[in-house]
């Protein structure tokens, strides 16, 4: 009998964990990392609150303004479109959660469907999603908090409320303008403010000044400490914060409805479909994080029943609120005036309801705190799961013996968010966060097509099977016709750039070209393999949204993945627990 050949490198890259292996994973404190596993405290109400906490945050208090400015009242439809894309993904998440009720979210699901390398890639992307997303939220929280303190007569020195990078960059940009004898009137207010702050800050050494965003760092430390102490305390805080901001949103809708002028809704889409789609990254940023619910699977009392319900409940509630809020905002004032960072406060000041503008500012601080809380809960649990599989060092799987939380991973998460929030600005990070989230959503939808393409799973919840043989090609055809009829300027711009012969113009088309080719391929596969319609639609909508985020974000995203692949091949592949079960 011949000796079997050792497994090839390629076979180790795509080795999968069976659902049985994932379900029988050792507890998080295995191998001596603590004396107790994660504590099960979460119910469907708590999980729904976590989902709402993640979704009703920076989007409704900040980015919704610029999206409305670009697309007009029709941005309300963009929220619906984005919610539909999330709904397809939520159904797929729900089936995975019911099938594999363990921590890890999309990372764990990819391990079961695509294999170890893809699981690592999505885990690495989720690290970027949660960390970068929370940096954005922490900096936004600082802006609202310092503005709130100024309103009551308390002032934090400006050099302690601006990121080092922002101040240093703005200072040197203004300095260059002065040396070139350009008028300072050409500088932006942000550049002038950065120049002023850098000049007035105390010197640390040489020309380097003490400039940092201290409030952003402090809130990150406080939230991380709460998450470290326990999931029970975290869920109590989350529930209270959610109740507060839902009450404020209800008051905003009720009061704002009296100031709505239907004339402001005309034209409904002043800048056409292109203007509406311009806000896609800002709108989708409002939805990132609902998948964080699935990272708490091992802390749910009944994960197979409650996780699917909570995902759907949270998505429906948040979508309804976003649509209503958008219609109220664009009805109270012209969409042309909404390009501001605090749209809810702005519209009520505009109509003379100053007391409610103040309430909104206070609630924004609490709302963003709840988003920070959910994201700080999610990321350590992904690291914990990756460590448990051997892809990260064992210390990341350590569980505190008293608090029953991923102790080391929680501290590292706080460091990864707090230090950048203290020093950096947030250019491009919203789009960068969105691309990581969409990538995770797309892989989860694709994973259902791998493990259960015909809806035959015996899971407690499964995506309803609808034969996509004819429907997928038909939907793509109808979508193409609608784009030709209603978004002709974008089509013409696409062809001009494609035929221009200039690489600088062509490179921005690369994501869309790849997407169009993928659509053709998926239509063929759906026709021949009779794939389930809903996961296919989820995959397509998420990939389409990714094409709208710009080539610069794709380059940064691939740069992040290259770093992750270097870590995988130098450490993770060699230490994977699946190496021990090779035959």
Protein backbone atom coordinates (compact mmCIF):
# COMPACT_ATOMS: atom_id res chain seq x y z
CA UNK A 1 0.00 0.00 0.00
CA UNK A 2 1.52 3.31 -1.08
CA UNK A 3 2.15 6.13 1.31
CA UNK A 4 -0.34 8.96 0.76
CA UNK A 5 1.08 12.23 -0.50
CA UNK A 6 1.17 15.08 2.00
CA UNK A 7 -1.48 17.74 1.50
CA UNK A 8 -0.48 20.48 -0.92
CA UNK A 9 -0.09 24.11 0.15
CA UNK A 10 -3.16 24.95 -1.91
CA UNK A 11 -5.27 22.40 -0.06
CA UNK A 12 -4.30 23.88 3.32
CA UNK A 13 -5.30 27.37 2.19
CA UNK A 14 -8.89 26.37 1.46
CA UNK A 15 -9.44 23.72 4.12
CA UNK A 16 -12.83 24.21 5.71
CA UNK A 17 -14.22 23.60 9.14
CA UNK A 18 -17.32 21.49 9.09
CA UNK A 19 -20.40 22.79 10.85
CA UNK A 20 -19.98 19.97 13.37
CA UNK A 21 -16.41 21.11 14.13
CA UNK A 22 -17.51 24.70 14.59
CA UNK A 23 -20.38 23.71 16.87
CA UNK A 24 -18.06 21.60 19.02
CA UNK A 25 -15.38 24.31 19.31
CA UNK A 26 -13.72 24.38 22.73
CA UNK A 27 -14.82 27.17 25.03
CA UNK A 28 -13.01 30.45 24.78
CA UNK A 29 -11.01 29.73 27.92
CA UNK A 30 -9.62 26.44 26.64
CA UNK A 31 -5.93 25.67 27.06
CA UNK A 32 -5.83 27.45 30.40
CA UNK A 33 -6.89 30.91 29.25
CA UNK A 34 -9.08 31.69 32.22
CA UNK A 35 -11.42 29.76 34.47
CA UNK A 36 -14.80 30.33 32.86
CA UNK A 37 -16.32 30.82 29.43
CA UNK A 38 -18.34 33.73 28.14
CA UNK A 39 -21.48 34.39 30.17
CA UNK A 40 -24.90 33.97 28.50
CA UNK A 41 -26.99 37.02 29.40
CA UNK A 42 -28.44 38.32 26.11
CA UNK A 43 -32.08 37.95 25.08
CA UNK A 44 -33.77 38.91 21.81
CA UNK A 45 -34.61 42.31 23.32
CA UNK A 46 -30.96 42.92 24.24
CA UNK A 47 -29.76 41.79 20.82
CA UNK A 48 -32.27 44.03 19.03
CA UNK A 49 -31.14 46.94 21.19
CA UNK A 50 -27.51 46.22 20.28
CA UNK A 51 -28.47 46.27 16.60
CA UNK A 52 -30.32 49.57 16.96
CA UNK A 53 -27.42 50.96 18.99
CA UNK A 54 -25.03 50.13 16.14
CA UNK A 55 -27.24 51.54 13.36
CA UNK A 56 -28.88 54.64 14.89
CA UNK A 57 -25.75 56.67 15.48
CA UNK A 58 -23.41 58.79 13.38
CA UNK A 59 -25.60 58.20 10.32
CA UNK A 60 -28.74 59.82 11.68
CA UNK A 61 -26.93 62.62 13.51
CA UNK A 62 -24.24 63.44 10.94
CA UNK A 63 -23.85 61.81 7.51
CA UNK A 64 -27.56 61.97 6.65
CA UNK A 65 -27.17 65.72 6.09
CA UNK A 66 -24.59 65.54 3.29
CA UNK A 67 -26.42 62.62 1.68
CA UNK A 68 -29.64 64.67 1.61
CA UNK A 69 -27.77 67.67 0.22
CA UNK A 70 -26.50 65.60 -2.72
CA UNK A 71 -29.63 63.58 -3.47
CA UNK A 72 -32.52 65.64 -2.13
CA UNK A 73 -35.62 63.99 -0.61
CA UNK A 74 -35.02 60.94 -2.84
CA UNK A 75 -32.26 59.89 -0.43
CA UNK A 76 -35.10 58.36 1.58
CA UNK A 77 -35.36 55.80 -1.23
CA UNK A 78 -31.61 55.21 -1.02
CA UNK A 79 -32.09 54.23 2.62
CA UNK A 80 -34.72 51.73 1.47
CA UNK A 81 -32.44 50.37 -1.27
CA UNK A 82 -29.54 50.04 1.15
CA UNK A 83 -31.82 48.41 3.71
CA UNK A 84 -32.94 45.89 1.10
CA UNK A 85 -29.30 45.08 0.39
CA UNK A 86 -28.74 44.69 4.13
CA UNK A 87 -31.93 42.59 4.42
CA UNK A 88 -30.63 40.04 1.92
CA UNK A 89 -27.43 39.90 3.94
CA UNK A 90 -29.35 39.78 7.22
CA UNK A 91 -31.28 36.70 6.06
CA UNK A 92 -28.01 34.99 5.20
CA UNK A 93 -26.45 36.05 8.52
CA UNK A 94 -29.54 34.74 10.28
CA UNK A 95 -29.26 31.30 8.68
CA UNK A 96 -25.59 31.07 9.56
CA UNK A 97 -26.31 32.21 13.12
CA UNK A 98 -29.01 29.55 13.46
CA UNK A 99 -26.71 26.91 11.96
CA UNK A 100 -23.44 27.87 13.68
CA UNK A 101 -24.33 29.67 16.95
CA UNK A 102 -20.75 30.57 17.90
CA UNK A 103 -18.79 33.82 18.05
CA UNK A 104 -16.92 35.15 15.05
CA UNK A 105 -19.62 36.53 12.76
CA UNK A 106 -18.70 36.50 9.05
CA UNK A 107 -15.23 35.09 9.87
CA UNK A 108 -16.73 31.89 11.28
CA UNK A 109 -19.25 31.63 8.46
CA UNK A 110 -16.52 32.00 5.82
CA UNK A 111 -14.50 29.25 7.53
CA UNK A 112 -17.42 26.88 7.02
CA UNK A 113 -18.14 27.86 3.42
CA UNK A 114 -14.99 29.10 1.66
CA UNK A 115 -12.11 27.83 3.75
CA UNK A 116 -9.35 29.09 5.97
CA UNK A 117 -7.69 31.68 3.70
CA UNK A 118 -10.97 33.43 2.89
CA UNK A 119 -11.94 33.25 6.58
CA UNK A 120 -8.69 34.97 7.50
CA UNK A 121 -9.24 37.65 4.85
CA UNK A 122 -12.74 38.42 6.09
CA UNK A 123 -11.58 38.38 9.72
CA UNK A 124 -8.84 40.83 8.82
CA UNK A 125 -11.36 43.00 6.95
CA UNK A 126 -13.66 42.98 9.98
CA UNK A 127 -10.78 44.18 12.16
CA UNK A 128 -10.50 47.16 9.81
CA UNK A 129 -14.28 47.68 9.78
CA UNK A 130 -14.68 47.78 13.54
CA UNK A 131 -11.47 49.65 14.37
CA UNK A 132 -11.71 52.30 11.64
CA UNK A 133 -15.45 52.67 12.17
CA UNK A 134 -14.97 53.36 15.85
CA UNK A 135 -12.18 55.86 15.15
CA UNK A 136 -14.68 57.81 13.03
CA UNK A 137 -17.34 57.62 15.72
CA UNK A 138 -14.92 58.61 18.50
CA UNK A 139 -13.78 61.70 16.58
CA UNK A 140 -17.39 62.65 15.78
CA UNK A 141 -18.31 62.12 19.44
CA UNK A 142 -15.51 64.50 20.43
CA UNK A 143 -16.82 67.19 18.06
CA UNK A 144 -20.34 66.97 19.49
CA UNK A 145 -19.12 66.77 23.08
CA UNK A 146 -16.82 69.80 22.87
CA UNK A 147 -19.57 71.77 21.11
CA UNK A 148 -21.98 70.81 23.88
CA UNK A 149 -19.55 71.95 26.58
CA UNK A 150 -18.99 75.25 24.76
CA UNK A 151 -22.75 75.77 24.76
CA UNK A 152 -22.87 75.65 28.56
CA UNK A 153 -19.77 77.79 29.07
CA UNK A 154 -17.14 75.09 29.59
CA UNK A 155 -14.23 75.22 27.16
CA UNK A 156 -11.55 72.61 26.60
CA UNK A 157 -8.36 74.10 25.08
CA UNK A 158 -8.51 73.77 21.30
CA UNK A 159 -5.17 71.98 21.14
CA UNK A 160 -6.72 69.14 23.18
CA UNK A 161 -9.70 68.68 20.84
CA UNK A 162 -8.03 68.33 17.41
CA UNK A 163 -6.10 65.33 16.08
CA UNK A 164 -2.34 65.79 15.75
CA UNK A 165 -2.38 64.85 12.07
CA UNK A 166 -5.17 67.29 11.20
CA UNK A 167 -3.47 70.20 12.98
CA UNK A 168 0.00 69.47 11.60
CA UNK A 169 -1.28 69.07 8.04
CA UNK A 170 -3.42 72.21 8.15
CA UNK A 171 -0.63 74.27 9.69
CA UNK A 172 1.86 73.37 6.98
CA UNK A 173 -0.69 73.89 4.19
CA UNK A 174 -1.31 77.44 5.40
CA UNK A 175 2.42 77.96 5.93
CA UNK A 176 3.11 76.91 2.33
CA UNK A 177 0.45 79.36 1.12
CA UNK A 178 2.06 82.18 3.09
CA UNK A 179 5.52 81.39 1.74
CA UNK A 180 4.07 81.37 -1.79
CA UNK A 181 2.51 84.81 -1.04
CA UNK A 182 -0.98 83.49 -1.68
CA UNK A 183 -3.88 85.27 0.07
CA UNK A 184 -5.12 83.48 3.19
CA UNK A 185 -8.66 83.94 1.91
CA UNK A 186 -7.96 80.93 -0.33
CA UNK A 187 -7.44 78.71 2.71
CA UNK A 188 -10.38 76.73 4.03
CA UNK A 189 -11.78 77.42 7.52
CA UNK A 190 -10.49 74.02 8.65
CA UNK A 191 -6.97 74.89 7.46
CA UNK A 192 -7.01 78.26 9.19
CA UNK A 193 -8.32 76.68 12.39
CA UNK A 194 -5.57 74.02 12.30
CA UNK A 195 -2.93 76.74 11.76
CA UNK A 196 -4.25 78.71 14.72
CA UNK A 197 -4.39 75.66 17.00
CA UNK A 198 -0.87 74.50 16.11
CA UNK A 199 0.54 77.97 16.72
CA UNK A 200 -1.15 78.34 20.10
CA UNK A 201 -0.35 74.84 21.40
CA UNK A 202 2.45 74.35 23.97
CA UNK A 203 5.68 72.93 22.57
CA UNK A 204 6.74 69.42 23.52
CA UNK A 205 10.16 69.34 21.88
CA UNK A 206 11.55 71.46 19.08
CA UNK A 207 8.81 72.51 16.68
CA UNK A 208 6.50 69.68 17.71
CA UNK A 209 3.43 70.77 19.65
CA UNK A 210 1.06 69.17 22.14
CA UNK A 211 -2.01 68.74 19.93
CA UNK A 212 -4.35 65.76 20.34
CA UNK A 213 -8.02 64.84 20.47
CA UNK A 214 -8.22 64.05 24.18
CA UNK A 215 -12.04 63.62 24.41
CA UNK A 216 -11.99 61.00 21.62
CA UNK A 217 -9.31 59.06 23.50
CA UNK A 218 -11.07 59.36 26.87
CA UNK A 219 -14.46 58.10 25.62
CA UNK A 220 -12.72 55.14 23.97
CA UNK A 221 -11.00 54.27 27.26
CA UNK A 222 -14.25 54.56 29.24
CA UNK A 223 -16.24 52.41 26.80
CA UNK A 224 -13.45 49.83 26.63
CA UNK A 225 -13.43 49.65 30.44
CA UNK A 226 -17.19 49.03 30.46
CA UNK A 227 -16.88 46.27 27.84
CA UNK A 228 -14.03 44.73 29.86
CA UNK A 229 -16.09 44.61 33.04
CA UNK A 230 -18.83 42.45 31.55
CA UNK A 231 -21.45 41.79 28.89
CA UNK A 232 -24.27 42.15 31.43
CA UNK A 233 -23.18 45.67 32.35
CA UNK A 234 -22.60 46.51 28.69
CA UNK A 235 -26.06 45.37 27.62
CA UNK A 236 -27.68 47.37 30.44
CA UNK A 237 -25.85 50.51 29.32
CA UNK A 238 -26.72 49.79 25.68
CA UNK A 239 -30.42 49.32 26.45
CA UNK A 240 -30.58 52.62 28.36
CA UNK A 241 -28.77 54.52 25.60
CA UNK A 242 -31.05 53.03 22.95
CA UNK A 243 -34.18 54.01 24.87
CA UNK A 244 -32.86 57.55 25.20
CA UNK A 245 -32.04 58.06 21.54
CA UNK A 246 -35.25 56.40 20.32
CA UNK A 247 -37.19 58.80 22.53
CA UNK A 248 -35.30 61.75 21.06
CA UNK A 249 -35.83 60.50 17.49
CA UNK A 250 -39.56 60.15 18.22
CA UNK A 251 -39.69 63.73 19.54
CA UNK A 252 -37.75 64.99 16.50
CA UNK A 253 -40.25 63.32 14.15
CA UNK A 254 -43.30 64.47 16.11
CA UNK A 255 -42.18 68.11 16.44
CA UNK A 256 -40.55 68.32 13.00
CA UNK A 257 -43.72 67.10 11.27
CA UNK A 258 -45.43 70.41 12.16
CA UNK A 259 -42.76 72.36 10.25
CA UNK A 260 -42.75 70.23 7.09
CA UNK A 261 -43.55 72.09 3.87
CA UNK A 262 -44.43 69.75 1.03
CA UNK A 263 -42.98 72.27 -1.45
CA UNK A 264 -39.51 71.36 -0.16
CA UNK A 265 -40.01 67.84 -1.51
CA UNK A 266 -40.12 69.20 -5.06
CA UNK A 267 -38.03 68.30 -6.99
CA UNK A 268 -37.84 64.92 -5.29
CA UNK A 269 -34.54 63.94 -6.94
CA UNK A 270 -33.00 67.29 -7.99
CA UNK A 271 -29.67 65.78 -9.07
CA UNK A 272 -31.11 62.62 -10.61
CA UNK A 273 -30.11 59.07 -9.82
CA UNK A 274 -26.45 60.05 -9.81
CA UNK A 275 -27.03 62.57 -7.04
CA UNK A 276 -28.90 60.00 -4.97
CA UNK A 277 -26.18 57.37 -5.45
CA UNK A 278 -23.51 59.91 -4.51
CA UNK A 279 -24.62 59.47 -0.93
CA UNK A 280 -24.39 55.69 -0.98
CA UNK A 281 -21.26 55.46 1.18
CA UNK A 282 -22.67 57.87 3.76
CA UNK A 283 -26.01 56.05 3.84
CA UNK A 284 -24.43 52.63 4.06
CA UNK A 285 -22.13 53.88 6.83
CA UNK A 286 -25.34 54.36 8.80
CA UNK A 287 -26.03 50.62 8.57
CA UNK A 288 -22.63 49.16 9.33
CA UNK A 289 -22.52 47.21 12.53
CA UNK A 290 -25.82 45.37 12.53
CA UNK A 291 -23.67 42.29 11.87
CA UNK A 292 -22.01 42.94 15.25
CA UNK A 293 -25.04 41.20 16.77
CA UNK A 294 -23.74 37.87 15.48
CA UNK A 295 -20.41 38.28 17.30
CA UNK A 296 -22.25 37.80 20.61
CA UNK A 297 -23.61 34.34 19.73
CA UNK A 298 -21.90 32.63 22.68
CA UNK A 299 -23.37 35.17 25.09
CA UNK A 300 -26.99 34.67 23.96
CA UNK A 301 -29.40 32.60 26.00
CA UNK A 302 -30.95 31.11 22.85
CA UNK A 303 -28.77 32.12 19.87
CA UNK A 304 -30.43 29.90 17.24
CA UNK A 305 -33.81 31.49 17.89
CA UNK A 306 -32.93 35.01 19.02
CA UNK A 307 -30.11 36.04 16.66
CA UNK A 308 -32.18 35.78 13.45
CA UNK A 309 -35.10 37.61 15.03
CA UNK A 310 -32.95 40.41 16.42
CA UNK A 311 -31.22 41.05 13.09
CA UNK A 312 -34.50 41.42 11.23
CA UNK A 313 -36.17 43.47 14.00
CA UNK A 314 -33.23 45.91 14.22
CA UNK A 315 -33.01 46.36 10.45
CA UNK A 316 -36.74 47.03 10.02
CA UNK A 317 -36.95 49.48 12.94
CA UNK A 318 -33.88 51.44 11.85
CA UNK A 319 -34.92 51.63 8.19
CA UNK A 320 -38.36 53.01 9.05
CA UNK A 321 -36.77 55.62 11.31
CA UNK A 322 -34.19 56.65 8.72
CA UNK A 323 -36.79 57.08 5.97
CA UNK A 324 -39.09 59.15 8.17
CA UNK A 325 -36.23 61.30 9.49
CA UNK A 326 -35.00 61.97 5.93
CA UNK A 327 -38.46 63.04 4.79
CA UNK A 328 -38.88 65.29 7.85
CA UNK A 329 -35.47 66.94 7.37
CA UNK A 330 -35.93 67.58 3.66
CA UNK A 331 -39.48 68.79 4.32
CA UNK A 332 -38.48 71.28 7.02
CA UNK A 333 -35.78 73.03 4.96
CA UNK A 334 -34.53 72.90 1.39
CA UNK A 335 -32.15 70.03 0.67
CA UNK A 336 -29.64 72.68 -0.50
CA UNK A 337 -29.10 73.78 3.11
CA UNK A 338 -28.42 70.34 4.58
CA UNK A 339 -24.72 69.99 3.76
CA UNK A 340 -23.80 70.36 7.44
CA UNK A 341 -22.28 68.07 10.04
CA UNK A 342 -25.18 68.32 12.51
CA UNK A 343 -28.34 68.32 10.33
CA UNK A 344 -30.87 67.59 13.10
CA UNK A 345 -29.68 70.47 15.26
CA UNK A 346 -29.41 72.73 12.21
CA UNK A 347 -33.01 72.30 10.98
CA UNK A 348 -34.52 73.04 14.39
CA UNK A 349 -32.37 76.15 14.83
CA UNK A 350 -33.49 77.13 11.34
CA UNK A 351 -37.18 76.98 12.29
CA UNK A 352 -36.60 78.62 15.69
CA UNK A 353 -36.96 75.56 17.96
CA UNK A 354 -33.62 76.09 19.73
CA UNK A 355 -34.48 74.01 22.80
CA UNK A 356 -34.88 70.88 20.67
CA UNK A 357 -31.63 71.62 18.86
CA UNK A 358 -29.92 71.45 22.25
CA UNK A 359 -31.63 68.18 23.11
CA UNK A 360 -30.49 66.71 19.79
CA UNK A 361 -26.89 67.70 20.52
CA UNK A 362 -27.03 65.94 23.90
CA UNK A 363 -28.66 62.83 22.44
CA UNK A 364 -26.05 62.70 19.64
CA UNK A 365 -23.36 62.30 22.29
CA UNK A 366 -25.21 59.38 23.87
CA UNK A 367 -26.07 57.86 20.48
CA UNK A 368 -22.46 57.79 19.39
CA UNK A 369 -21.45 56.36 22.75
CA UNK A 370 -23.78 53.41 22.13
CA UNK A 371 -22.23 52.84 18.67
CA UNK A 372 -18.78 52.82 20.24
CA UNK A 373 -20.04 50.34 22.80
CA UNK A 374 -21.38 47.85 20.25
CA UNK A 375 -18.28 47.98 18.07
CA UNK A 376 -16.00 47.59 21.07
CA UNK A 377 -18.02 44.52 22.02
CA UNK A 378 -17.80 43.03 18.51
CA UNK A 379 -14.13 43.24 17.61
CA UNK A 380 -12.62 41.41 20.64
CA UNK A 381 -14.95 38.48 20.02
CA UNK A 382 -13.76 38.14 16.43
CA UNK A 383 -10.15 38.17 17.62
CA UNK A 384 -11.04 35.64 20.30
CA UNK A 385 -12.50 33.26 17.71
CA UNK A 386 -9.55 33.66 15.34
CA UNK A 387 -7.17 32.95 18.21
CA UNK A 388 -9.18 29.89 19.22
CA UNK A 389 -8.64 28.56 15.70
CA UNK A 390 -4.90 29.16 16.00
CA UNK A 391 -4.77 32.02 13.47
CA UNK A 392 -3.81 34.55 16.15
CA UNK A 393 -1.61 34.01 19.24
CA UNK A 394 -3.35 32.17 22.13
CA UNK A 395 -3.35 35.27 24.35
CA UNK A 396 -6.17 36.76 22.24
CA UNK A 397 -8.45 33.92 23.42
CA UNK A 398 -7.90 34.70 27.11
CA UNK A 399 -11.15 35.14 29.06
CA UNK A 400 -11.19 37.03 32.35
CA UNK A 401 -12.01 34.59 35.19
CA UNK A 402 -14.25 37.09 37.00
CA UNK A 403 -15.79 39.25 34.26
CA UNK A 404 -16.16 36.46 31.63
CA UNK A 405 -15.05 38.75 28.80
CA UNK A 406 -12.19 38.47 26.24
CA UNK A 407 -9.80 40.40 28.46
CA UNK A 408 -6.65 40.79 26.36
CA UNK A 409 -8.55 41.27 23.08
CA UNK A 410 -10.69 44.00 24.65
CA UNK A 411 -7.63 45.92 25.84
CA UNK A 412 -5.96 45.63 22.42
CA UNK A 413 -9.17 46.83 20.76
CA UNK A 414 -9.21 49.90 22.99
CA UNK A 415 -5.59 50.62 22.04
CA UNK A 416 -6.28 50.18 18.31
CA UNK A 417 -9.14 52.69 18.47
CA UNK A 418 -8.05 55.12 21.17
CA UNK A 419 -4.55 55.97 19.95
CA UNK A 420 -5.51 56.67 16.30
CA UNK A 421 -8.53 58.70 17.48
CA UNK A 422 -6.15 60.73 19.63
CA UNK A 423 -3.80 61.53 16.76
CA UNK A 424 -5.34 61.05 13.30
CA UNK A 425 -7.96 62.72 11.12
CA UNK A 426 -10.74 60.74 9.44
CA UNK A 427 -10.19 61.37 5.71
CA UNK A 428 -11.49 58.44 3.62
CA UNK A 429 -12.26 56.32 6.67
CA UNK A 430 -16.04 56.31 6.18
CA UNK A 431 -15.68 54.83 2.70
CA UNK A 432 -12.92 52.51 3.90
CA UNK A 433 -15.16 51.21 6.67
CA UNK A 434 -18.05 50.72 4.25
CA UNK A 435 -15.95 48.69 1.80
CA UNK A 436 -14.88 46.31 4.56
CA UNK A 437 -18.46 45.85 5.71
CA UNK A 438 -19.80 45.30 2.18
CA UNK A 439 -17.06 42.74 1.57
CA UNK A 440 -18.16 40.84 4.67
CA UNK A 441 -21.82 41.01 3.64
CA UNK A 442 -21.02 39.77 0.11
CA UNK A 443 -19.06 36.79 1.43
CA UNK A 444 -21.83 35.82 3.85
CA UNK A 445 -24.35 35.84 0.99
CA UNK A 446 -21.95 33.82 -1.14
CA UNK A 447 -21.43 31.43 1.76
CA UNK A 448 -25.11 30.48 1.79
CA UNK A 449 -24.83 29.65 -1.92
CA UNK A 450 -21.99 27.29 -1.00
CA UNK A 451 -23.42 25.48 2.04
CA UNK A 452 -27.14 25.57 1.19
CA UNK A 453 -27.79 26.68 -2.42
CA UNK A 454 -31.22 25.03 -2.58
CA UNK A 455 -32.65 25.82 0.87
CA UNK A 456 -32.49 22.22 2.14
CA UNK A 457 -30.83 22.97 5.45
CA UNK A 458 -32.48 21.74 8.65
CA UNK A 459 -31.42 24.90 10.49
CA UNK A 460 -33.96 26.54 12.75
CA UNK A 461 -33.97 29.52 10.37
CA UNK A 462 -33.05 29.39 6.69
CA UNK A 463 -33.20 31.74 3.72
CA UNK A 464 -36.38 30.97 1.73
CA UNK A 465 -35.46 29.21 -1.52
CA UNK A 466 -36.65 30.89 -4.70
CA UNK A 467 -35.35 29.38 -7.93
CA UNK A 468 -33.19 32.03 -9.58
CA UNK A 469 -32.75 30.26 -12.91
CA UNK A 470 -34.81 32.77 -14.89
CA UNK A 471 -35.28 35.49 -12.30
CA UNK A 472 -31.61 36.46 -11.91
CA UNK A 473 -31.02 37.12 -15.65
CA UNK A 474 -34.40 38.89 -15.85
CA UNK A 475 -33.68 41.16 -12.88
CA UNK A 476 -30.25 42.07 -14.28
CA UNK A 477 -31.82 42.85 -17.65
CA UNK A 478 -34.53 45.04 -16.10
CA UNK A 479 -31.92 46.80 -13.96
CA UNK A 480 -29.83 47.57 -17.03
CA UNK A 481 -32.85 49.00 -18.87
CA UNK A 482 -33.77 51.21 -15.90
CA UNK A 483 -30.22 52.56 -15.70
CA UNK A 484 -30.25 53.38 -19.40
CA UNK A 485 -33.54 55.24 -19.05
CA UNK A 486 -33.03 57.05 -15.75
CA UNK A 487 -29.27 57.47 -15.36
CA UNK A 488 -28.17 58.26 -18.91
CA UNK A 489 -25.57 60.91 -17.87
CA UNK A 490 -23.69 58.31 -15.80
CA UNK A 491 -23.79 55.83 -18.69
CA UNK A 492 -22.42 58.44 -21.09
CA UNK A 493 -19.71 59.40 -18.61
CA UNK A 494 -18.78 55.71 -18.27
CA UNK A 495 -18.37 55.24 -22.03
CA UNK A 496 -16.40 58.45 -22.43
CA UNK A 497 -13.94 57.40 -19.75
CA UNK A 498 -13.76 53.87 -21.19
CA UNK A 499 -12.92 55.09 -24.70
CA UNK A 500 -10.76 58.06 -23.70
CA UNK A 501 -7.49 56.11 -23.72
CA UNK A 502 -6.36 57.83 -20.50
CA UNK A 503 -5.45 55.49 -17.67
CA UNK A 504 -6.25 58.07 -14.98
CA UNK A 505 -9.87 58.02 -16.14
CA UNK A 506 -10.00 54.30 -16.92
CA UNK A 507 -8.73 53.13 -13.52
CA UNK A 508 -11.80 54.52 -11.80
CA UNK A 509 -13.92 52.22 -13.98
CA UNK A 510 -12.10 49.03 -12.99
CA UNK A 511 -14.42 48.10 -10.08
CA UNK A 512 -17.51 48.62 -12.25
CA UNK A 513 -16.06 46.63 -15.18
CA UNK A 514 -15.24 43.72 -12.87
CA UNK A 515 -18.75 43.93 -11.41
CA UNK A 516 -20.39 43.83 -14.85
CA UNK A 517 -18.36 40.77 -15.82
CA UNK A 518 -19.27 39.15 -12.52
CA UNK A 519 -22.98 39.81 -13.20
CA UNK A 520 -22.74 37.99 -16.51
CA UNK A 521 -20.96 35.06 -14.91
CA UNK A 522 -23.39 34.84 -11.99
CA UNK A 523 -26.38 34.99 -14.35
CA UNK A 524 -24.96 32.02 -16.26
CA UNK A 525 -24.26 30.05 -13.06
CA UNK A 526 -27.73 30.88 -11.68
CA UNK A 527 -29.32 29.63 -14.89
CA UNK A 528 -27.35 26.38 -14.99
CA UNK A 529 -27.28 25.63 -11.24
CA UNK A 530 -30.72 27.03 -10.25
CA UNK A 531 -29.18 29.07 -7.42
CA UNK A 532 -31.30 30.55 -4.64
CA UNK A 533 -32.47 34.03 -5.64
CA UNK A 534 -32.19 35.95 -2.34
CA UNK A 535 -28.50 35.21 -1.59
CA UNK A 536 -27.68 36.00 -5.23
CA UNK A 537 -29.44 39.37 -4.95
CA UNK A 538 -27.63 40.06 -1.68
CA UNK A 539 -24.30 39.24 -3.31
CA UNK A 540 -25.02 41.48 -6.32
CA UNK A 541 -26.30 44.48 -4.36
CA UNK A 542 -23.36 44.43 -1.95
CA UNK A 543 -20.85 44.17 -4.79
CA UNK A 544 -22.59 46.98 -6.66
CA UNK A 545 -22.42 49.23 -3.60
CA UNK A 546 -18.70 48.43 -3.36
CA UNK A 547 -18.18 49.75 -6.92
CA UNK A 548 -19.55 53.14 -5.81
CA UNK A 549 -16.83 53.73 -3.21
CA UNK A 550 -14.03 54.82 -5.54
CA UNK A 551 -10.72 53.34 -6.66
CA UNK A 552 -8.76 55.09 -3.87
CA UNK A 553 -10.67 53.11 -1.26
CA UNK A 554 -10.09 49.88 -3.18
CA UNK A 555 -6.35 50.57 -3.24
CA UNK A 556 -6.29 51.18 0.52
CA UNK A 557 -8.44 48.09 1.05
CA UNK A 558 -6.08 45.89 -0.95
CA UNK A 559 -3.13 47.41 0.88
CA UNK A 560 -4.74 46.37 4.18
CA UNK A 561 -5.35 42.86 2.79
CA UNK A 562 -1.71 42.54 1.71
CA UNK A 563 -0.62 43.26 5.29
CA UNK A 564 -3.10 40.64 6.49
CA UNK A 565 -1.86 38.04 3.99
CA UNK A 566 1.72 38.62 5.15
CA UNK A 567 0.65 37.84 8.72
CA UNK A 568 -1.36 34.81 7.59
CA UNK A 569 1.50 33.18 5.68
CA UNK A 570 4.14 34.02 8.30
CA UNK A 571 2.13 32.93 11.35
CA UNK A 572 -1.51 31.87 10.98
CA UNK A 573 -1.18 29.11 8.39
CA UNK A 574 1.55 27.44 10.42
CA UNK A 575 -0.34 27.62 13.73
CA UNK A 576 -3.83 26.74 12.52
CA UNK A 577 -5.56 24.16 14.71
CA UNK A 578 -6.52 22.30 11.53
CA UNK A 579 -2.86 21.32 11.13
CA UNK A 580 -3.38 18.95 14.05
CA UNK A 581 -6.18 17.05 12.27
CA UNK A 582 -4.38 16.41 9.00
CA UNK A 583 -4.37 12.83 7.83
